[in-house]
Amino acid sequence: MLKLGTNVKDKSTNQEGMLTLMQVEQNGNVYYYFQPRGTSPKTGEPLEGRWIVDSSIEGGVEVTPPYLPIDILGTHAKDNASGYEGVITSLRLHINGCVHVSLQSQQILEETGTVPLSVDFDIRRLSGEKIDKMTEEELEESKQKRPSPVGVGAYKPRF
């Protein structure tokens, strides 16, 4: 795994920037969110980031991955706040150490015959067979050490 917060170059575009997020899919594929350095001359806002794969990354620092609960991928979970339920399809590690998951509903909507899009949740909001339950003290400490960011949407294939 490459260390998040590392300045790297996207070999595909030759842009320099930083890795700010990592996502692990059920099949083991890993994606990094690349935030290019600079601002848009048109809007003055940061350049738009994008998901890239490790083979596109030049530079970076290899680190031992932190504990990620990979065993929860493919298991059923429920958001304790909204009641939304589904299968965990990916894990995302944010630069601050917070872990989020994509939760995919298995409900088929009667009106359209489709399923709702997967939803991003902080893992600390979920309950499930494979999700470790935290005490109130552990939860508060975790929130202080690893606050949940306003997130980037999950990696979604373009095909």
N, C-alpha and C. Protein backbone atom coordinates (compact mmCIF):
# COMPACT_ATOMS: atom_id res chain seq x y z
N MET A 1 0.83 -1.17 0.00
CA MET A 1 0.00 0.00 0.00
C MET A 1 0.88 1.24 0.00
N LEU A 2 0.42 2.25 -0.72
CA LEU A 2 1.13 3.52 -0.72
C LEU A 2 0.59 4.41 0.39
N LYS A 3 1.47 5.15 1.01
CA LYS A 3 1.08 6.01 2.12
C LYS A 3 0.21 7.16 1.61
N LEU A 4 -0.94 7.34 2.25
CA LEU A 4 -1.81 8.46 1.91
C LEU A 4 -1.15 9.74 2.40
N GLY A 5 -1.34 10.82 1.66
CA GLY A 5 -0.67 12.08 1.96
C GLY A 5 0.65 12.19 1.23
N THR A 6 0.99 11.18 0.44
CA THR A 6 2.24 11.16 -0.31
C THR A 6 2.09 11.95 -1.61
N ASN A 7 3.09 12.78 -1.91
CA ASN A 7 3.13 13.48 -3.19
C ASN A 7 3.66 12.53 -4.25
N VAL A 8 2.92 12.41 -5.34
CA VAL A 8 3.25 11.47 -6.40
C VAL A 8 3.01 12.14 -7.76
N LYS A 9 3.32 11.38 -8.82
CA LYS A 9 3.01 11.82 -10.17
C LYS A 9 2.11 10.76 -10.81
N ASP A 10 1.09 11.22 -11.50
CA ASP A 10 0.23 10.33 -12.29
C ASP A 10 0.93 10.13 -13.62
N LYS A 11 1.47 8.92 -13.85
CA LYS A 11 2.24 8.65 -15.07
C LYS A 11 1.39 8.82 -16.34
N SER A 12 0.08 8.64 -16.21
CA SER A 12 -0.79 8.76 -17.39
C SER A 12 -0.90 10.20 -17.87
N THR A 13 -0.84 11.16 -16.96
CA THR A 13 -1.05 12.56 -17.32
C THR A 13 0.17 13.45 -17.04
N ASN A 14 1.16 12.92 -16.32
CA ASN A 14 2.33 13.67 -15.84
C ASN A 14 1.97 14.75 -14.83
N GLN A 15 0.77 14.71 -14.27
CA GLN A 15 0.40 15.66 -13.23
C GLN A 15 0.98 15.22 -11.90
N GLU A 16 1.37 16.22 -11.09
CA GLU A 16 1.81 15.93 -9.74
C GLU A 16 0.65 16.21 -8.80
N GLY A 17 0.61 15.48 -7.70
CA GLY A 17 -0.46 15.67 -6.74
C GLY A 17 -0.26 14.77 -5.55
N MET A 18 -1.34 14.52 -4.83
CA MET A 18 -1.27 13.77 -3.58
C MET A 18 -2.31 12.66 -3.56
N LEU A 19 -1.95 11.54 -2.93
CA LEU A 19 -2.90 10.45 -2.70
C LEU A 19 -3.64 10.77 -1.41
N THR A 20 -4.97 10.86 -1.48
CA THR A 20 -5.73 11.25 -0.30
C THR A 20 -6.72 10.20 0.19
N LEU A 21 -6.89 9.13 -0.58
CA LEU A 21 -7.90 8.13 -0.25
C LEU A 21 -7.55 6.84 -0.95
N MET A 22 -7.84 5.71 -0.32
CA MET A 22 -7.62 4.40 -0.92
C MET A 22 -8.90 3.60 -0.81
N GLN A 23 -9.24 2.87 -1.86
CA GLN A 23 -10.45 2.04 -1.83
C GLN A 23 -10.08 0.61 -2.19
N VAL A 24 -10.63 -0.35 -1.42
CA VAL A 24 -10.44 -1.78 -1.67
C VAL A 24 -11.80 -2.37 -2.02
N GLU A 25 -11.86 -3.04 -3.16
CA GLU A 25 -13.10 -3.67 -3.63
C GLU A 25 -13.18 -5.12 -3.13
N GLN A 26 -14.36 -5.72 -3.29
CA GLN A 26 -14.56 -7.11 -2.88
C GLN A 26 -13.58 -8.06 -3.57
N ASN A 27 -13.22 -7.76 -4.80
CA ASN A 27 -12.32 -8.64 -5.55
C ASN A 27 -10.85 -8.38 -5.26
N GLY A 28 -10.56 -7.45 -4.33
CA GLY A 28 -9.18 -7.16 -3.95
C GLY A 28 -8.55 -6.02 -4.73
N ASN A 29 -9.22 -5.50 -5.76
CA ASN A 29 -8.66 -4.37 -6.50
C ASN A 29 -8.53 -3.16 -5.57
N VAL A 30 -7.44 -2.41 -5.77
CA VAL A 30 -7.16 -1.24 -4.95
C VAL A 30 -7.09 -0.02 -5.87
N TYR A 31 -7.73 1.07 -5.46
CA TYR A 31 -7.73 2.32 -6.19
C TYR A 31 -7.31 3.43 -5.23
N TYR A 32 -6.64 4.44 -5.76
CA TYR A 32 -6.23 5.60 -4.97
C TYR A 32 -6.90 6.84 -5.54
N TYR A 33 -7.30 7.75 -4.65
CA TYR A 33 -7.83 9.03 -5.11
C TYR A 33 -6.67 9.99 -5.20
N PHE A 34 -6.48 10.54 -6.39
CA PHE A 34 -5.37 11.42 -6.71
C PHE A 34 -5.89 12.85 -6.80
N GLN A 35 -5.36 13.72 -5.95
CA GLN A 35 -5.72 15.13 -5.98
C GLN A 35 -4.59 15.89 -6.65
N PRO A 36 -4.79 16.34 -7.90
CA PRO A 36 -3.74 17.10 -8.57
C PRO A 36 -3.41 18.39 -7.82
N ARG A 37 -2.17 18.80 -7.90
CA ARG A 37 -1.75 20.04 -7.27
C ARG A 37 -2.16 21.20 -8.18
N GLY A 38 -2.73 22.23 -7.57
CA GLY A 38 -3.06 23.43 -8.34
C GLY A 38 -4.53 23.77 -8.29
N THR A 39 -4.83 24.92 -8.85
CA THR A 39 -6.21 25.39 -8.90
C THR A 39 -6.59 25.70 -10.34
N SER A 40 -7.86 25.69 -10.60
CA SER A 40 -8.38 26.00 -11.93
C SER A 40 -8.26 27.50 -12.20
N PRO A 41 -7.64 27.87 -13.32
CA PRO A 41 -7.55 29.30 -13.64
C PRO A 41 -8.92 29.91 -13.92
N LYS A 42 -9.88 29.07 -14.26
CA LYS A 42 -11.22 29.54 -14.59
C LYS A 42 -12.06 29.81 -13.33
N THR A 43 -11.96 28.91 -12.32
CA THR A 43 -12.82 29.03 -11.14
C THR A 43 -12.06 29.39 -9.86
N GLY A 44 -10.74 29.16 -9.85
CA GLY A 44 -9.96 29.40 -8.64
C GLY A 44 -10.07 28.27 -7.63
N GLU A 45 -10.86 27.23 -7.95
CA GLU A 45 -11.05 26.09 -7.06
C GLU A 45 -9.99 25.03 -7.33
N PRO A 46 -9.79 24.12 -6.36
CA PRO A 46 -8.82 23.04 -6.59
C PRO A 46 -9.18 22.25 -7.85
N LEU A 47 -8.14 21.78 -8.53
CA LEU A 47 -8.37 20.93 -9.71
C LEU A 47 -9.15 19.70 -9.29
N GLU A 48 -9.93 19.17 -10.19
CA GLU A 48 -10.75 18.00 -9.87
C GLU A 48 -9.87 16.77 -9.71
N GLY A 49 -10.08 16.05 -8.61
CA GLY A 49 -9.35 14.82 -8.36
C GLY A 49 -9.95 13.67 -9.13
N ARG A 50 -9.26 12.52 -9.10
CA ARG A 50 -9.74 11.35 -9.82
C ARG A 50 -9.16 10.08 -9.20
N TRP A 51 -9.80 8.96 -9.51
CA TRP A 51 -9.33 7.66 -9.06
C TRP A 51 -8.30 7.13 -10.04
N ILE A 52 -7.18 6.60 -9.50
CA ILE A 52 -6.15 5.98 -10.33
C ILE A 52 -5.70 4.67 -9.68
N VAL A 53 -5.02 3.85 -10.46
CA VAL A 53 -4.51 2.57 -9.96
C VAL A 53 -3.02 2.70 -9.69
N ASP A 54 -2.48 1.79 -8.88
CA ASP A 54 -1.08 1.91 -8.47
C ASP A 54 -0.11 1.86 -9.63
N SER A 55 -0.45 1.18 -10.72
CA SER A 55 0.47 1.12 -11.86
C SER A 55 0.60 2.47 -12.55
N SER A 56 -0.31 3.41 -12.28
CA SER A 56 -0.23 4.77 -12.85
C SER A 56 0.53 5.73 -11.95
N ILE A 57 0.97 5.24 -10.79
CA ILE A 57 1.57 6.13 -9.79
C ILE A 57 3.09 6.03 -9.83
N GLU A 58 3.73 7.19 -9.93
CA GLU A 58 5.19 7.27 -9.87
C GLU A 58 5.54 7.94 -8.55
N GLY A 59 6.43 7.31 -7.81
CA GLY A 59 6.81 7.85 -6.51
C GLY A 59 5.92 7.27 -5.43
N GLY A 60 5.88 7.92 -4.32
CA GLY A 60 5.07 7.42 -3.21
C GLY A 60 5.92 6.60 -2.27
N VAL A 61 5.40 6.41 -1.10
CA VAL A 61 6.10 5.69 -0.04
C VAL A 61 5.31 4.44 0.29
N GLU A 62 5.95 3.29 0.15
CA GLU A 62 5.30 2.02 0.51
C GLU A 62 5.23 1.92 2.03
N VAL A 63 4.07 1.55 2.53
CA VAL A 63 3.90 1.36 3.98
C VAL A 63 3.15 0.07 4.23
N THR A 64 3.28 -0.43 5.44
CA THR A 64 2.48 -1.58 5.84
C THR A 64 1.06 -1.08 6.01
N PRO A 65 0.12 -1.75 5.36
CA PRO A 65 -1.26 -1.26 5.48
C PRO A 65 -1.74 -1.29 6.92
N PRO A 66 -2.51 -0.27 7.30
CA PRO A 66 -3.11 -0.31 8.63
C PRO A 66 -4.16 -1.41 8.64
N TYR A 67 -4.61 -1.75 9.81
CA TYR A 67 -5.65 -2.76 9.89
C TYR A 67 -6.89 -2.27 9.15
N LEU A 68 -7.30 -3.04 8.18
CA LEU A 68 -8.56 -2.79 7.49
C LEU A 68 -9.39 -4.06 7.62
N PRO A 69 -10.64 -3.93 8.00
CA PRO A 69 -11.46 -5.13 8.20
C PRO A 69 -11.95 -5.73 6.88
N ILE A 70 -11.00 -6.25 6.10
CA ILE A 70 -11.30 -6.81 4.77
C ILE A 70 -12.36 -7.90 4.86
N ASP A 71 -12.41 -8.63 5.98
CA ASP A 71 -13.35 -9.73 6.12
C ASP A 71 -14.81 -9.29 6.13
N ILE A 72 -15.08 -7.98 6.25
CA ILE A 72 -16.48 -7.52 6.22
C ILE A 72 -16.98 -7.36 4.78
N LEU A 73 -16.07 -7.34 3.81
CA LEU A 73 -16.50 -7.20 2.41
C LEU A 73 -17.41 -8.37 2.04
N GLY A 74 -18.53 -8.05 1.43
CA GLY A 74 -19.49 -9.07 1.01
C GLY A 74 -20.47 -9.47 2.09
N THR A 75 -20.36 -8.88 3.28
CA THR A 75 -21.29 -9.23 4.37
C THR A 75 -22.40 -8.19 4.46
N HIS A 76 -23.46 -8.56 5.15
CA HIS A 76 -24.62 -7.70 5.33
C HIS A 76 -24.39 -6.76 6.50
N ALA A 77 -24.84 -5.50 6.35
CA ALA A 77 -24.73 -4.52 7.43
C ALA A 77 -25.92 -3.57 7.39
N LYS A 78 -26.08 -2.85 8.49
CA LYS A 78 -27.19 -1.91 8.62
C LYS A 78 -26.66 -0.60 9.18
N ASP A 79 -27.11 0.52 8.61
CA ASP A 79 -26.79 1.84 9.16
C ASP A 79 -27.68 2.09 10.35
N ASN A 80 -27.07 2.30 11.49
CA ASN A 80 -27.84 2.47 12.72
C ASN A 80 -28.63 3.77 12.76
N ALA A 81 -28.25 4.77 11.98
CA ALA A 81 -28.96 6.04 11.98
C ALA A 81 -30.20 6.00 11.08
N SER A 82 -30.05 5.52 9.85
CA SER A 82 -31.15 5.57 8.88
C SER A 82 -31.93 4.27 8.76
N GLY A 83 -31.30 3.16 9.14
CA GLY A 83 -31.93 1.86 8.95
C GLY A 83 -31.63 1.25 7.58
N TYR A 84 -30.87 1.96 6.73
CA TYR A 84 -30.50 1.46 5.40
C TYR A 84 -29.70 0.16 5.57
N GLU A 85 -30.05 -0.86 4.81
CA GLU A 85 -29.36 -2.16 4.90
C GLU A 85 -28.85 -2.59 3.55
N GLY A 86 -27.79 -3.39 3.57
CA GLY A 86 -27.27 -3.92 2.32
C GLY A 86 -25.99 -4.70 2.53
N VAL A 87 -25.30 -4.93 1.42
CA VAL A 87 -24.06 -5.69 1.40
C VAL A 87 -22.89 -4.71 1.27
N ILE A 88 -21.85 -4.93 2.04
CA ILE A 88 -20.66 -4.08 1.97
C ILE A 88 -19.86 -4.48 0.74
N THR A 89 -19.71 -3.53 -0.20
CA THR A 89 -19.04 -3.83 -1.46
C THR A 89 -17.63 -3.26 -1.57
N SER A 90 -17.28 -2.27 -0.72
CA SER A 90 -15.92 -1.74 -0.74
C SER A 90 -15.61 -1.05 0.58
N LEU A 91 -14.31 -0.90 0.84
CA LEU A 91 -13.80 -0.18 2.01
C LEU A 91 -12.98 1.00 1.51
N ARG A 92 -13.06 2.13 2.18
CA ARG A 92 -12.25 3.29 1.83
C ARG A 92 -11.51 3.78 3.06
N LEU A 93 -10.21 3.93 2.92
CA LEU A 93 -9.37 4.48 3.98
C LEU A 93 -9.07 5.92 3.61
N HIS A 94 -9.49 6.85 4.48
CA HIS A 94 -9.25 8.27 4.25
C HIS A 94 -7.89 8.67 4.81
N ILE A 95 -7.39 9.78 4.35
CA ILE A 95 -6.07 10.27 4.74
C ILE A 95 -5.92 10.42 6.26
N ASN A 96 -7.04 10.68 6.95
CA ASN A 96 -6.99 10.85 8.41
C ASN A 96 -7.14 9.54 9.17
N GLY A 97 -7.28 8.41 8.44
CA GLY A 97 -7.39 7.10 9.07
C GLY A 97 -8.81 6.59 9.24
N CYS A 98 -9.79 7.41 8.92
CA CYS A 98 -11.19 7.01 9.02
C CYS A 98 -11.51 5.97 7.93
N VAL A 99 -12.34 4.99 8.27
CA VAL A 99 -12.73 3.96 7.31
C VAL A 99 -14.22 4.12 6.98
N HIS A 100 -14.51 4.17 5.69
CA HIS A 100 -15.89 4.21 5.19
C HIS A 100 -16.13 2.96 4.36
N VAL A 101 -17.40 2.63 4.18
CA VAL A 101 -17.77 1.50 3.33
C VAL A 101 -18.86 1.93 2.35
N SER A 102 -18.94 1.19 1.26
CA SER A 102 -20.09 1.32 0.35
C SER A 102 -21.06 0.22 0.73
N LEU A 103 -22.30 0.60 0.95
CA LEU A 103 -23.34 -0.35 1.32
C LEU A 103 -24.35 -0.39 0.18
N GLN A 104 -24.48 -1.57 -0.43
CA GLN A 104 -25.37 -1.74 -1.57
C GLN A 104 -26.64 -2.45 -1.13
N SER A 105 -27.77 -1.75 -1.30
CA SER A 105 -29.06 -2.33 -0.98
C SER A 105 -29.36 -3.51 -1.91
N GLN A 106 -30.05 -4.50 -1.40
CA GLN A 106 -30.50 -5.63 -2.22
C GLN A 106 -31.98 -5.49 -2.57
N GLN A 107 -32.56 -4.36 -2.18
CA GLN A 107 -33.96 -4.09 -2.46
C GLN A 107 -34.14 -3.77 -3.95
N ILE A 108 -35.16 -4.36 -4.57
CA ILE A 108 -35.50 -4.02 -5.95
C ILE A 108 -36.71 -3.10 -5.88
N LEU A 109 -36.56 -1.91 -6.44
CA LEU A 109 -37.63 -0.92 -6.40
C LEU A 109 -38.76 -1.33 -7.35
N GLU A 110 -39.95 -1.48 -6.80
CA GLU A 110 -41.11 -1.94 -7.57
C GLU A 110 -41.40 -1.06 -8.77
N GLU A 111 -41.34 0.25 -8.55
CA GLU A 111 -41.72 1.19 -9.60
C GLU A 111 -40.81 1.15 -10.82
N THR A 112 -39.50 0.93 -10.59
CA THR A 112 -38.54 0.99 -11.70
C THR A 112 -37.88 -0.35 -12.01
N GLY A 113 -37.95 -1.31 -11.09
CA GLY A 113 -37.26 -2.59 -11.29
C GLY A 113 -35.76 -2.50 -11.09
N THR A 114 -35.29 -1.37 -10.52
CA THR A 114 -33.86 -1.19 -10.29
C THR A 114 -33.56 -1.25 -8.80
N VAL A 115 -32.27 -1.28 -8.49
CA VAL A 115 -31.85 -1.22 -7.08
C VAL A 115 -31.28 0.17 -6.81
N PRO A 116 -31.42 0.66 -5.57
CA PRO A 116 -30.83 1.97 -5.24
C PRO A 116 -29.31 1.92 -5.42
N LEU A 117 -28.71 3.08 -5.64
CA LEU A 117 -27.26 3.16 -5.73
C LEU A 117 -26.64 2.83 -4.38
N SER A 118 -25.39 2.38 -4.38
CA SER A 118 -24.72 2.12 -3.11
C SER A 118 -24.51 3.44 -2.38
N VAL A 119 -24.45 3.36 -1.06
CA VAL A 119 -24.35 4.55 -0.22
C VAL A 119 -23.08 4.46 0.63
N ASP A 120 -22.40 5.60 0.79
CA ASP A 120 -21.18 5.69 1.58
C ASP A 120 -21.53 5.93 3.05
N PHE A 121 -20.95 5.11 3.94
CA PHE A 121 -21.16 5.28 5.38
C PHE A 121 -19.84 5.15 6.13
N ASP A 122 -19.70 5.93 7.18
CA ASP A 122 -18.61 5.74 8.13
C ASP A 122 -18.89 4.40 8.81
N ILE A 123 -17.90 3.54 8.88
CA ILE A 123 -18.09 2.20 9.43
C ILE A 123 -18.59 2.24 10.87
N ARG A 124 -18.29 3.32 11.58
CA ARG A 124 -18.70 3.43 12.97
C ARG A 124 -20.21 3.58 13.13
N ARG A 125 -20.91 3.87 12.04
CA ARG A 125 -22.37 4.00 12.09
C ARG A 125 -23.07 2.67 11.83
N LEU A 126 -22.31 1.65 11.47
CA LEU A 126 -22.92 0.39 11.03
C LEU A 126 -22.89 -0.68 12.10
N SER A 127 -23.83 -1.61 11.94
CA SER A 127 -23.80 -2.84 12.72
C SER A 127 -23.91 -3.99 11.74
N GLY A 128 -23.30 -5.09 12.10
CA GLY A 128 -23.33 -6.27 11.25
C GLY A 128 -22.57 -7.39 11.92
N GLU A 129 -22.78 -8.58 11.41
CA GLU A 129 -22.17 -9.78 12.00
C GLU A 129 -20.65 -9.67 12.12
N LYS A 130 -20.00 -9.07 11.14
CA LYS A 130 -18.54 -9.01 11.13
C LYS A 130 -17.98 -7.65 11.56
N ILE A 131 -18.86 -6.73 11.94
CA ILE A 131 -18.40 -5.39 12.34
C ILE A 131 -18.23 -5.36 13.85
N ASP A 132 -17.01 -5.02 14.28
CA ASP A 132 -16.72 -4.93 15.71
C ASP A 132 -17.52 -3.79 16.34
N LYS A 133 -18.19 -4.10 17.42
CA LYS A 133 -18.97 -3.09 18.14
C LYS A 133 -18.04 -2.37 19.10
N MET A 134 -18.13 -1.04 19.10
CA MET A 134 -17.30 -0.22 19.98
C MET A 134 -18.09 0.21 21.21
N THR A 135 -17.37 0.37 22.31
CA THR A 135 -17.99 0.97 23.49
C THR A 135 -18.14 2.46 23.22
N GLU A 136 -18.93 3.15 24.04
CA GLU A 136 -19.09 4.60 23.88
C GLU A 136 -17.74 5.32 23.97
N GLU A 137 -16.89 4.87 24.90
CA GLU A 137 -15.58 5.49 25.08
C GLU A 137 -14.71 5.26 23.84
N GLU A 138 -14.70 4.04 23.31
CA GLU A 138 -13.92 3.73 22.11
C GLU A 138 -14.41 4.55 20.91
N LEU A 139 -15.71 4.68 20.80
CA LEU A 139 -16.31 5.43 19.70
C LEU A 139 -15.89 6.90 19.76
N GLU A 140 -15.97 7.51 20.93
CA GLU A 140 -15.59 8.91 21.07
C GLU A 140 -14.11 9.11 20.79
N GLU A 141 -13.27 8.21 21.30
CA GLU A 141 -11.83 8.30 21.05
C GLU A 141 -11.53 8.17 19.56
N SER A 142 -12.21 7.23 18.90
CA SER A 142 -12.02 7.02 17.47
C SER A 142 -12.43 8.25 16.67
N LYS A 143 -13.53 8.88 17.04
CA LYS A 143 -14.00 10.08 16.34
C LYS A 143 -13.01 11.23 16.50
N GLN A 144 -12.39 11.32 17.68
CA GLN A 144 -11.41 12.39 17.92
C GLN A 144 -10.14 12.15 17.12
N LYS A 145 -9.67 10.90 17.11
CA LYS A 145 -8.41 10.57 16.42
C LYS A 145 -8.58 10.51 14.91
N ARG A 146 -9.73 10.04 14.45
CA ARG A 146 -9.96 9.83 13.01
C ARG A 146 -11.33 10.38 12.62
N PRO A 147 -11.46 11.71 12.55
CA PRO A 147 -12.77 12.28 12.21
C PRO A 147 -13.22 11.87 10.81
N SER A 148 -14.50 11.75 10.65
CA SER A 148 -15.06 11.35 9.37
C SER A 148 -15.12 12.55 8.43
N PRO A 149 -14.47 12.45 7.28
CA PRO A 149 -14.49 13.58 6.34
C PRO A 149 -15.77 13.63 5.53
N VAL A 150 -16.01 14.78 4.95
CA VAL A 150 -17.04 14.87 3.93
C VAL A 150 -16.38 14.24 2.72
N GLY A 151 -16.96 13.21 2.21
CA GLY A 151 -16.23 12.34 1.33
C GLY A 151 -16.29 12.59 -0.15
N VAL A 152 -15.43 11.86 -0.77
CA VAL A 152 -15.36 11.71 -2.21
C VAL A 152 -16.21 10.49 -2.52
N GLY A 153 -16.93 10.51 -3.59
CA GLY A 153 -17.71 9.33 -3.96
C GLY A 153 -16.81 8.14 -4.23
N ALA A 154 -17.34 6.98 -4.10
CA ALA A 154 -16.58 5.75 -4.30
C ALA A 154 -16.12 5.62 -5.75
N TYR A 155 -15.05 4.86 -5.95
CA TYR A 155 -14.60 4.55 -7.30
C TYR A 155 -15.70 3.79 -8.01
N LYS A 156 -16.00 4.19 -9.21
CA LYS A 156 -17.00 3.50 -10.03
C LYS A 156 -16.40 3.32 -11.42
N PRO A 157 -16.36 2.09 -11.90
CA PRO A 157 -15.81 1.87 -13.24
C PRO A 157 -16.54 2.70 -14.28
N ARG A 158 -15.84 3.10 -15.32
CA ARG A 158 -16.42 3.96 -16.36
C ARG A 158 -17.03 3.19 -17.51
N PHE A 159 -17.06 1.89 -17.42
CA PHE A 159 -17.61 1.10 -18.54
C PHE A 159 -18.95 0.53 -18.21
